[in-house]
Amino acid sequence: MQPVEASRNNDANANFNFMLLFSSNSLAFLSSKYDQRLTIRGLRTAANGFTWLSVLGCVPMRVSDDLLLQEEFIHATVVAQALAAINSFREIFPLPIISRPSGRRPLCYSVIDGHQISDHLPEIQNLHKQATAYVRNMFGESLEPLADKQVACNINITQPGGSYRYHYDRNAVTAILYLNETSGGETECYPSHRLNLMYLQREVDRVFENPMCRRVFGRQILVRPRTGRLLVMRGDRCLHSVREVHGDADRINVVMSYDVKGARYANGDRLNSYLYSSALHRSDPNYVE
């Protein structure tokens, strides 16, 4: 399947320039960690049964399937300034490539973590503030950036030939701001896929890595990297990955993580080591052993 903007493998009519993709039965999210609802503000239901949302004066966007897409979230001039700052940082601080084998789609990328952003990249801090205001306008004040500064805001850089394994996020809501367009490198999403099967979840997801299983049973949405595009998703429920990047350009995006205040994660330290260092790991900390 070749995505044009964003596409679903079972709905040819789901191609929009402006989309809010939340299923109508999940408009009020119940945090998996606290008995506290994350709600979307300003909703109204259209006559055709779909729900639409106008956020911060933007045009209405369609609600379905646990994902949001906002085009041109930031102006091209701001994107250019952010990329220039990132390139300057990379010249001063060469980034290692973090590589983890993972079935058909390994983790192979570089990352600028939140500590480095706080110390050296005020341009990205400003983008983080803008995205946070946008996300909290939708979900309310109960949602906030993760307290762990290393994780709260990252810059993920996937070089040509690189990819990002299938995974869930530790946090309830994730926002991805794309800073450039690439050939390949689509974010492949399976909304509301997590089944809370504890020890069996890893095996279910491993079977789902088979392309035939995904085609038959999956509700797939592909999001192509596009300059200034913002993707917001329920990261702890949506199985997602990054397809292999082709061509000559690195895929560069800002990843911002949100949850309710005081959220804690049992495998947080191990997951940080897995994502930010070259330390050896026998297994994926996303799954309970």
C-alpha atoms as a PDB file:
ATOM      1  CA  MET A   1       0.000   0.000   0.000  1.00  0.00           C
ATOM      2  CA  GLN A   2       1.318   3.417  -0.964  1.00  0.00           C
ATOM      3  CA  PRO A   3       0.170   6.143   1.451  1.00  0.00           C
ATOM      4  CA  VAL A   4      -0.692   9.519  -0.049  1.00  0.00           C
ATOM      5  CA  GLU A   5      -1.209  11.468   3.160  1.00  0.00           C
ATOM      6  CA  ALA A   6      -2.518   8.963   5.660  1.00  0.00           C
ATOM      7  CA  SER A   7      -4.348   5.834   4.642  1.00  0.00           C
ATOM      8  CA  ARG A   8      -6.062   2.781   6.046  1.00  0.00           C
ATOM      9  CA  ASN A   9      -5.900  -0.656   4.507  1.00  0.00           C
ATOM     10  CA  ASN A  10      -9.646  -1.160   4.979  1.00  0.00           C
ATOM     11  CA  ASP A  11     -11.104   2.296   4.305  1.00  0.00           C
ATOM     12  CA  ALA A  12     -10.365   4.003   1.019  1.00  0.00           C
ATOM     13  CA  ASN A  13     -12.255   7.096   2.151  1.00  0.00           C
ATOM     14  CA  ALA A  14      -9.979   7.839   5.106  1.00  0.00           C
ATOM     15  CA  ASN A  15      -7.575  10.099   3.177  1.00  0.00           C
ATOM     16  CA  PHE A  16      -7.737  13.658   4.499  1.00  0.00           C
ATOM     17  CA  ASN A  17      -5.474  16.668   4.755  1.00  0.00           C
ATOM     18  CA  PHE A  18      -6.910  17.346   8.213  1.00  0.00           C
ATOM     19  CA  MET A  19      -7.834  14.356  10.319  1.00  0.00           C
ATOM     20  CA  LEU A  20      -8.606  13.599  13.919  1.00  0.00           C
ATOM     21  CA  LEU A  21      -8.825   9.845  14.154  1.00  0.00           C
ATOM     22  CA  PHE A  22     -10.367   8.764  17.450  1.00  0.00           C
ATOM     23  CA  SER A  23     -12.958   6.013  17.679  1.00  0.00           C
ATOM     24  CA  SER A  24     -16.221   7.376  19.058  1.00  0.00           C
ATOM     25  CA  ASN A  25     -16.214   4.873  21.910  1.00  0.00           C
ATOM     26  CA  SER A  26     -12.800   6.015  23.119  1.00  0.00           C
ATOM     27  CA  LEU A  27     -13.249   9.776  23.212  1.00  0.00           C
ATOM     28  CA  ALA A  28     -12.861   9.650  26.973  1.00  0.00           C
ATOM     29  CA  PHE A  29      -9.661   7.705  27.628  1.00  0.00           C
ATOM     30  CA  LEU A  30      -9.208   5.880  30.910  1.00  0.00           C
ATOM     31  CA  SER A  31      -5.552   5.936  31.882  1.00  0.00           C
ATOM     32  CA  SER A  32      -4.165   2.432  32.343  1.00  0.00           C
ATOM     33  CA  LYS A  33      -2.248   3.684  35.366  1.00  0.00           C
ATOM     34  CA  TYR A  34      -4.763   5.832  37.207  1.00  0.00           C
ATOM     35  CA  ASP A  35      -8.507   6.002  37.514  1.00  0.00           C
ATOM     36  CA  GLN A  36      -8.543   9.360  35.773  1.00  0.00           C
ATOM     37  CA  ARG A  37     -10.140  10.148  32.432  1.00  0.00           C
ATOM     38  CA  LEU A  38      -8.325  11.934  29.637  1.00  0.00           C
ATOM     39  CA  THR A  39     -11.048  13.704  27.704  1.00  0.00           C
ATOM     40  CA  ILE A  40     -11.071  15.603  24.431  1.00  0.00           C
ATOM     41  CA  ARG A  41     -12.575  19.082  24.621  1.00  0.00           C
ATOM     42  CA  GLY A  42     -14.877  20.861  22.192  1.00  0.00           C
ATOM     43  CA  LEU A  43     -16.448  17.863  20.491  1.00  0.00           C
ATOM     44  CA  ARG A  44     -19.653  17.921  18.503  1.00  0.00           C
ATOM     45  CA  THR A  45     -21.275  15.059  16.604  1.00  0.00           C
ATOM     46  CA  ALA A  46     -22.134  15.521  12.932  1.00  0.00           C
ATOM     47  CA  ALA A  47     -25.282  14.179  11.315  1.00  0.00           C
ATOM     48  CA  ASN A  48     -23.394  11.379   9.583  1.00  0.00           C
ATOM     49  CA  GLY A  49     -22.399   9.840  12.897  1.00  0.00           C
ATOM     50  CA  PHE A  50     -18.777  10.952  12.863  1.00  0.00           C
ATOM     51  CA  THR A  51     -17.446  13.330  15.471  1.00  0.00           C
ATOM     52  CA  TRP A  52     -15.512  16.444  14.509  1.00  0.00           C
ATOM     53  CA  LEU A  53     -13.240  18.714  16.481  1.00  0.00           C
ATOM     54  CA  SER A  54     -11.922  22.215  15.921  1.00  0.00           C
ATOM     55  CA  VAL A  55      -8.745  22.722  17.934  1.00  0.00           C
ATOM     56  CA  LEU A  56      -7.285  26.184  18.523  1.00  0.00           C
ATOM     57  CA  GLY A  57      -9.194  27.602  15.554  1.00  0.00           C
ATOM     58  CA  CYS A  58      -8.073  24.911  13.087  1.00  0.00           C
ATOM     59  CA  VAL A  59     -10.438  23.460  10.521  1.00  0.00           C
ATOM     60  CA  PRO A  60     -12.599  20.547  11.773  1.00  0.00           C
ATOM     61  CA  MET A  61     -10.960  17.135  11.743  1.00  0.00           C
ATOM     62  CA  ARG A  62     -12.543  13.708  11.551  1.00  0.00           C
ATOM     63  CA  VAL A  63     -12.689  11.511  14.658  1.00  0.00           C
ATOM     64  CA  SER A  64     -11.940   7.800  14.312  1.00  0.00           C
ATOM     65  CA  ASP A  65      -9.370   5.220  15.396  1.00  0.00           C
ATOM     66  CA  ASP A  66      -7.180   6.707  18.145  1.00  0.00           C
ATOM     67  CA  LEU A  67      -5.015   8.965  15.966  1.00  0.00           C
ATOM     68  CA  LEU A  68      -4.855  12.651  15.190  1.00  0.00           C
ATOM     69  CA  LEU A  69      -3.212  14.301  12.194  1.00  0.00           C
ATOM     70  CA  GLN A  70      -2.757  18.060  11.986  1.00  0.00           C
ATOM     71  CA  GLU A  71      -1.137  19.433   8.851  1.00  0.00           C
ATOM     72  CA  GLU A  72       1.201  22.444   8.956  1.00  0.00           C
ATOM     73  CA  PHE A  73       1.257  22.530  12.727  1.00  0.00           C
ATOM     74  CA  ILE A  74       4.285  24.796  12.451  1.00  0.00           C
ATOM     75  CA  HIS A  75       5.362  27.106   9.626  1.00  0.00           C
ATOM     76  CA  ALA A  76       8.061  26.011   7.173  1.00  0.00           C
ATOM     77  CA  THR A  77      10.329  28.830   8.412  1.00  0.00           C
ATOM     78  CA  VAL A  78      10.184  27.449  11.963  1.00  0.00           C
ATOM     79  CA  VAL A  79      10.909  23.963  10.644  1.00  0.00           C
ATOM     80  CA  ALA A  80      13.977  25.246   8.781  1.00  0.00           C
ATOM     81  CA  GLN A  81      15.275  26.931  11.939  1.00  0.00           C
ATOM     82  CA  ALA A  82      14.758  23.736  13.949  1.00  0.00           C
ATOM     83  CA  LEU A  83      16.565  21.606  11.363  1.00  0.00           C
ATOM     84  CA  ALA A  84      19.462  24.062  11.210  1.00  0.00           C
ATOM     85  CA  ALA A  85      19.811  23.899  14.999  1.00  0.00           C
ATOM     86  CA  ILE A  86      19.710  20.078  14.941  1.00  0.00           C
ATOM     87  CA  ASN A  87      22.328  19.894  12.191  1.00  0.00           C
ATOM     88  CA  SER A  88      24.613  22.263  14.122  1.00  0.00           C
ATOM     89  CA  PHE A  89      24.189  20.114  17.232  1.00  0.00           C
ATOM     90  CA  ARG A  90      25.076  16.956  15.295  1.00  0.00           C
ATOM     91  CA  GLU A  91      28.268  18.561  13.979  1.00  0.00           C
ATOM     92  CA  ILE A  92      29.400  19.308  17.533  1.00  0.00           C
ATOM     93  CA  PHE A  93      28.031  16.159  19.189  1.00  0.00           C
ATOM     94  CA  PRO A  94      28.180  13.134  16.854  1.00  0.00           C
ATOM     95  CA  LEU A  95      25.364  10.726  17.652  1.00  0.00           C
ATOM     96  CA  PRO A  96      25.846   6.967  17.930  1.00  0.00           C
ATOM     97  CA  ILE A  97      23.519   4.636  16.057  1.00  0.00           C
ATOM     98  CA  ILE A  98      21.488   2.499  18.451  1.00  0.00           C
ATOM     99  CA  SER A  99      20.710  -0.884  16.954  1.00  0.00           C
ATOM    100  CA  ARG A 100      18.500  -3.639  18.412  1.00  0.00           C
ATOM    101  CA  PRO A 101      17.527  -6.767  16.455  1.00  0.00           C
ATOM    102  CA  SER A 102      13.764  -7.230  16.392  1.00  0.00           C
ATOM    103  CA  GLY A 103      12.357  -9.694  13.898  1.00  0.00           C
ATOM    104  CA  ARG A 104      11.535  -8.303  10.468  1.00  0.00           C
ATOM    105  CA  ARG A 105      11.863  -4.643  11.504  1.00  0.00           C
ATOM    106  CA  PRO A 106      14.811  -3.867  13.837  1.00  0.00           C
ATOM    107  CA  LEU A 107      15.411  -0.752  15.867  1.00  0.00           C
ATOM    108  CA  CYS A 108      18.140   1.257  14.142  1.00  0.00           C
ATOM    109  CA  TYR A 109      18.245   4.991  14.819  1.00  0.00           C
ATOM    110  CA  SER A 110      19.970   7.861  16.623  1.00  0.00           C
ATOM    111  CA  VAL A 111      18.391  10.027  19.299  1.00  0.00           C
ATOM    112  CA  ILE A 112      18.905  13.424  20.906  1.00  0.00           C
ATOM    113  CA  ASP A 113      17.374  13.017  24.344  1.00  0.00           C
ATOM    114  CA  GLY A 114      15.581  15.505  26.567  1.00  0.00           C
ATOM    115  CA  HIS A 115      18.646  16.425  28.616  1.00  0.00           C
ATOM    116  CA  GLN A 116      20.561  17.376  25.471  1.00  0.00           C
ATOM    117  CA  ILE A 117      17.583  19.333  24.142  1.00  0.00           C
ATOM    118  CA  SER A 118      17.309  21.222  27.440  1.00  0.00           C
ATOM    119  CA  ASP A 119      21.008  22.113  27.390  1.00  0.00           C
ATOM    120  CA  HIS A 120      21.536  22.930  23.711  1.00  0.00           C
ATOM    121  CA  LEU A 121      18.346  23.266  21.647  1.00  0.00           C
ATOM    122  CA  PRO A 122      15.969  26.052  22.733  1.00  0.00           C
ATOM    123  CA  GLU A 123      14.326  25.880  19.293  1.00  0.00           C
ATOM    124  CA  ILE A 124      13.076  22.379  20.066  1.00  0.00           C
ATOM    125  CA  GLN A 125      12.029  23.405  23.572  1.00  0.00           C
ATOM    126  CA  ASN A 126       9.761  26.026  22.001  1.00  0.00           C
ATOM    127  CA  LEU A 127       8.223  23.419  19.693  1.00  0.00           C
ATOM    128  CA  HIS A 128       7.648  21.193  22.703  1.00  0.00           C
ATOM    129  CA  LYS A 129       5.791  23.999  24.482  1.00  0.00           C
ATOM    130  CA  GLN A 130       3.586  24.578  21.438  1.00  0.00           C
ATOM    131  CA  ALA A 131       2.729  20.909  21.094  1.00  0.00           C
ATOM    132  CA  THR A 132       2.055  20.597  24.824  1.00  0.00           C
ATOM    133  CA  ALA A 133      -0.415  23.482  24.728  1.00  0.00           C
ATOM    134  CA  TYR A 134      -2.137  21.831  21.752  1.00  0.00           C
ATOM    135  CA  VAL A 135      -2.362  18.413  23.421  1.00  0.00           C
ATOM    136  CA  ARG A 136      -3.581  19.820  26.742  1.00  0.00           C
ATOM    137  CA  ASN A 137      -6.192  21.868  24.926  1.00  0.00           C
ATOM    138  CA  MET A 138      -7.611  18.568  23.700  1.00  0.00           C
ATOM    139  CA  PHE A 139      -7.216  16.420  26.803  1.00  0.00           C
ATOM    140  CA  GLY A 140      -7.296  18.965  29.602  1.00  0.00           C
ATOM    141  CA  GLU A 141      -4.905  19.887  32.386  1.00  0.00           C
ATOM    142  CA  SER A 142      -4.685  16.305  33.674  1.00  0.00           C
ATOM    143  CA  LEU A 143      -2.254  15.484  30.881  1.00  0.00           C
ATOM    144  CA  GLU A 144       1.337  16.723  31.128  1.00  0.00           C
ATOM    145  CA  PRO A 145       4.820  15.942  29.784  1.00  0.00           C
ATOM    146  CA  LEU A 146       6.550  13.029  31.468  1.00  0.00           C
ATOM    147  CA  ALA A 147       8.464  13.964  34.601  1.00  0.00           C
ATOM    148  CA  ASP A 148      11.487  12.062  33.271  1.00  0.00           C
ATOM    149  CA  LYS A 149      13.141  14.840  31.267  1.00  0.00           C
ATOM    150  CA  GLN A 150      15.236  12.398  29.244  1.00  0.00           C
ATOM    151  CA  VAL A 151      12.064  10.880  27.779  1.00  0.00           C
ATOM    152  CA  ALA A 152       9.607  13.801  27.709  1.00  0.00           C
ATOM    153  CA  CYS A 153      10.941  15.291  24.473  1.00  0.00           C
ATOM    154  CA  ASN A 154      13.313  13.564  22.045  1.00  0.00           C
ATOM    155  CA  ILE A 155      14.553  14.023  18.508  1.00  0.00           C
ATOM    156  CA  ASN A 156      14.572  10.718  16.658  1.00  0.00           C
ATOM    157  CA  ILE A 157      16.837  10.493  13.616  1.00  0.00           C
ATOM    158  CA  THR A 158      16.479   7.465  11.360  1.00  0.00           C
ATOM    159  CA  GLN A 159      19.165   7.198   8.713  1.00  0.00           C
ATOM    160  CA  PRO A 160      18.558   5.649   5.265  1.00  0.00           C
ATOM    161  CA  GLY A 161      18.224   1.908   5.750  1.00  0.00           C
ATOM    162  CA  GLY A 162      17.124   2.384   9.356  1.00  0.00           C
ATOM    163  CA  SER A 163      13.769   1.560  10.917  1.00  0.00           C
ATOM    164  CA  TYR A 164      12.052   1.473  14.314  1.00  0.00           C
ATOM    165  CA  ARG A 165      10.719  -1.810  15.647  1.00  0.00           C
ATOM    166  CA  TYR A 166       7.082  -2.542  16.476  1.00  0.00           C
ATOM    167  CA  HIS A 167       6.329  -1.317  19.976  1.00  0.00           C
ATOM    168  CA  TYR A 168       3.967   0.398  22.378  1.00  0.00           C
ATOM    169  CA  ASP A 169       4.885   3.519  24.297  1.00  0.00           C
ATOM    170  CA  ARG A 170       5.100   3.510  28.072  1.00  0.00           C
ATOM    171  CA  ASN A 171       2.974   6.674  28.284  1.00  0.00           C
ATOM    172  CA  ALA A 172      -0.688   7.287  27.495  1.00  0.00           C
ATOM    173  CA  VAL A 173      -0.359   9.871  24.701  1.00  0.00           C
ATOM    174  CA  THR A 174       2.460  10.489  22.225  1.00  0.00           C
ATOM    175  CA  ALA A 175       2.864  13.426  19.830  1.00  0.00           C
ATOM    176  CA  ILE A 176       5.185  13.185  16.813  1.00  0.00           C
ATOM    177  CA  LEU A 177       6.183  16.325  14.914  1.00  0.00           C
ATOM    178  CA  TYR A 178       7.710  15.565  11.507  1.00  0.00           C
ATOM    179  CA  LEU A 179      10.416  17.997  10.406  1.00  0.00           C
ATOM    180  CA  ASN A 180      11.072  16.667   6.904  1.00  0.00           C
ATOM    181  CA  GLU A 181       9.792  14.420   4.151  1.00  0.00           C
ATOM    182  CA  THR A 182      11.516  11.172   3.249  1.00  0.00           C
ATOM    183  CA  SER A 183      11.104   8.280   0.896  1.00  0.00           C
ATOM    184  CA  GLY A 184       9.833   5.472   3.089  1.00  0.00           C
ATOM    185  CA  GLY A 185       9.937   5.959   6.849  1.00  0.00           C
ATOM    186  CA  GLU A 186       6.143   5.883   7.239  1.00  0.00           C
ATOM    187  CA  THR A 187       4.758   5.472  10.746  1.00  0.00           C
ATOM    188  CA  GLU A 188       2.799   2.218  10.602  1.00  0.00           C
ATOM    189  CA  CYS A 189      -0.004   2.189  13.182  1.00  0.00           C
ATOM    190  CA  TYR A 190      -2.499  -0.376  14.478  1.00  0.00           C
ATOM    191  CA  PRO A 191      -4.901   1.564  16.720  1.00  0.00           C
ATOM    192  CA  SER A 192      -6.347  -0.015  19.877  1.00  0.00           C
ATOM    193  CA  HIS A 193      -4.270  -3.139  19.253  1.00  0.00           C
ATOM    194  CA  ARG A 194      -3.031  -3.827  22.778  1.00  0.00           C
ATOM    195  CA  LEU A 195      -5.031  -6.529  24.518  1.00  0.00           C
ATOM    196  CA  ASN A 196      -3.574  -6.379  28.068  1.00  0.00           C
ATOM    197  CA  LEU A 197      -2.633 -10.054  27.921  1.00  0.00           C
ATOM    198  CA  MET A 198       0.397  -9.528  30.156  1.00  0.00           C
ATOM    199  CA  TYR A 199       2.800 -12.404  29.460  1.00  0.00           C
ATOM    200  CA  LEU A 200       1.072 -13.393  26.205  1.00  0.00           C
ATOM    201  CA  GLN A 201       1.175  -9.926  24.638  1.00  0.00           C
ATOM    202  CA  ARG A 202       4.715 -10.371  23.302  1.00  0.00           C
ATOM    203  CA  GLU A 203       3.720 -13.586  21.495  1.00  0.00           C
ATOM    204  CA  VAL A 204       0.603 -12.000  20.016  1.00  0.00           C
ATOM    205  CA  ASP A 205       2.653  -9.070  18.713  1.00  0.00           C
ATOM    206  CA  ARG A 206       5.361 -11.367  17.370  1.00  0.00           C
ATOM    207  CA  VAL A 207       2.781 -13.256  15.291  1.00  0.00           C
ATOM    208  CA  PHE A 208       1.426  -9.925  14.104  1.00  0.00           C
ATOM    209  CA  GLU A 209       4.824  -9.017  12.620  1.00  0.00           C
ATOM    210  CA  ASN A 210       4.013 -11.461   9.829  1.00  0.00           C
ATOM    211  CA  PRO A 211       2.842  -9.377   6.834  1.00  0.00           C
ATOM    212  CA  MET A 212       0.033 -11.833   6.016  1.00  0.00           C
ATOM    213  CA  CYS A 213      -1.381 -11.587   9.546  1.00  0.00           C
ATOM    214  CA  ARG A 214      -1.283  -7.804   9.368  1.00  0.00           C
ATOM    215  CA  ARG A 215      -3.098  -7.768   6.031  1.00  0.00           C
ATOM    216  CA  VAL A 216      -5.816 -10.164   7.204  1.00  0.00           C
ATOM    217  CA  PHE A 217      -6.392  -9.029  10.783  1.00  0.00           C
ATOM    218  CA  GLY A 218      -4.873  -5.554  11.071  1.00  0.00           C
ATOM    219  CA  ARG A 219      -6.510  -2.136  10.964  1.00  0.00           C
ATOM    220  CA  GLN A 220      -3.486  -0.420   9.523  1.00  0.00           C
ATOM    221  CA  ILE A 221      -2.939   3.317   9.176  1.00  0.00           C
ATOM    222  CA  LEU A 222       0.203   4.623   7.474  1.00  0.00           C
ATOM    223  CA  VAL A 223       1.376   8.149   8.185  1.00  0.00           C
ATOM    224  CA  ARG A 224       3.965   9.537   5.779  1.00  0.00           C
ATOM    225  CA  PRO A 225       6.594  11.975   7.100  1.00  0.00           C
ATOM    226  CA  ARG A 226       5.591  15.441   5.916  1.00  0.00           C
ATOM    227  CA  THR A 227       7.159  18.741   6.941  1.00  0.00           C
ATOM    228  CA  GLY A 228       5.269  20.349   9.819  1.00  0.00           C
ATOM    229  CA  ARG A 229       2.787  17.493  10.258  1.00  0.00           C
ATOM    230  CA  LEU A 230       1.764  16.603  13.827  1.00  0.00           C
ATOM    231  CA  LEU A 231       0.597  13.098  14.768  1.00  0.00           C
ATOM    232  CA  VAL A 232      -1.023  12.526  18.175  1.00  0.00           C
ATOM    233  CA  MET A 233      -1.888   8.991  19.252  1.00  0.00           C
ATOM    234  CA  ARG A 234      -2.718   6.824  22.231  1.00  0.00           C
ATOM    235  CA  GLY A 235       0.790   5.390  22.241  1.00  0.00           C
ATOM    236  CA  ASP A 236       0.283   2.794  24.963  1.00  0.00           C
ATOM    237  CA  ARG A 237      -2.631   1.215  23.051  1.00  0.00           C
ATOM    238  CA  CYS A 238      -1.482   1.613  19.452  1.00  0.00           C
ATOM    239  CA  LEU A 239       1.068  -0.864  18.093  1.00  0.00           C
ATOM    240  CA  HIS A 240       3.332   1.194  15.846  1.00  0.00           C
ATOM    241  CA  SER A 241       6.660   1.181  14.056  1.00  0.00           C
ATOM    242  CA  VAL A 242       8.682   3.104  11.474  1.00  0.00           C
ATOM    243  CA  ARG A 243       9.184   1.524   8.081  1.00  0.00           C
ATOM    244  CA  GLU A 244      12.624   1.444   6.507  1.00  0.00           C
ATOM    245  CA  VAL A 245      13.847   4.831   5.288  1.00  0.00           C
ATOM    246  CA  HIS A 246      14.891   4.964   1.631  1.00  0.00           C
ATOM    247  CA  GLY A 247      16.797   7.529  -0.396  1.00  0.00           C
ATOM    248  CA  ASP A 248      19.531   9.814   0.903  1.00  0.00           C
ATOM    249  CA  ALA A 249      17.815  11.922   3.582  1.00  0.00           C
ATOM    250  CA  ASP A 250      17.640  11.194   7.305  1.00  0.00           C
ATOM    251  CA  ARG A 251      14.128  11.013   8.774  1.00  0.00           C
ATOM    252  CA  ILE A 252      13.972  13.614  11.572  1.00  0.00           C
ATOM    253  CA  ASN A 253      11.080  14.081  13.970  1.00  0.00           C
ATOM    254  CA  VAL A 254      10.396  15.348  17.476  1.00  0.00           C
ATOM    255  CA  VAL A 255       8.731  12.809  19.795  1.00  0.00           C
ATOM    256  CA  MET A 256       6.885  14.140  22.858  1.00  0.00           C
ATOM    257  CA  SER A 257       5.425  11.947  25.607  1.00  0.00           C
ATOM    258  CA  TYR A 258       2.471  12.710  27.907  1.00  0.00           C
ATOM    259  CA  ASP A 259       0.623  11.052  30.750  1.00  0.00           C
ATOM    260  CA  VAL A 260      -1.331  11.924  33.868  1.00  0.00           C
ATOM    261  CA  LYS A 261       0.588  13.564  36.705  1.00  0.00           C
ATOM    262  CA  GLY A 262       2.684  11.198  38.767  1.00  0.00           C
ATOM    263  CA  ALA A 263       2.704   8.338  36.251  1.00  0.00           C
ATOM    264  CA  ARG A 264       5.315   5.686  37.042  1.00  0.00           C
ATOM    265  CA  TYR A 265       6.600   2.813  34.914  1.00  0.00           C
ATOM    266  CA  ALA A 266       7.936  -0.476  36.265  1.00  0.00           C
ATOM    267  CA  ASN A 267      10.542  -0.926  33.506  1.00  0.00           C
ATOM    268  CA  GLY A 268      11.408   2.752  33.079  1.00  0.00           C
ATOM    269  CA  ASP A 269      15.133   2.512  33.823  1.00  0.00           C
ATOM    270  CA  ARG A 270      15.635  -0.588  31.678  1.00  0.00           C
ATOM    271  CA  LEU A 271      13.666   0.932  28.840  1.00  0.00           C
ATOM    272  CA  ASN A 272      15.762   4.103  28.982  1.00  0.00           C
ATOM    273  CA  SER A 273      18.934   2.030  28.764  1.00  0.00           C
ATOM    274  CA  TYR A 274      17.466   0.085  25.841  1.00  0.00           C
ATOM    275  CA  LEU A 275      16.545   3.234  23.898  1.00  0.00           C
ATOM    276  CA  TYR A 276      19.378   5.631  24.760  1.00  0.00           C
ATOM    277  CA  SER A 277      22.525   3.518  25.155  1.00  0.00           C
ATOM    278  CA  SER A 278      24.406   0.718  23.461  1.00  0.00           C
ATOM    279  CA  ALA A 279      24.208  -1.491  26.565  1.00  0.00           C
ATOM    280  CA  LEU A 280      23.330  -5.118  25.838  1.00  0.00           C
ATOM    281  CA  HIS A 281      19.776  -6.269  26.526  1.00  0.00           C
ATOM    282  CA  ARG A 282      18.512  -9.835  26.349  1.00  0.00           C
ATOM    283  CA  SER A 283      14.900  -8.791  25.765  1.00  0.00           C
ATOM    284  CA  ASP A 284      12.603  -5.875  25.041  1.00  0.00           C
ATOM    285  CA  PRO A 285      11.736  -4.072  28.320  1.00  0.00           C
ATOM    286  CA  ASN A 286       8.331  -3.139  26.879  1.00  0.00           C
ATOM    287  CA  TYR A 287       7.140  -6.631  27.755  1.00  0.00           C
ATOM    288  CA  VAL A 288       6.762  -8.297  31.158  1.00  0.00           C
ATOM    289  CA  GLU A 289       9.172 -11.187  31.598  1.00  0.00           C
END
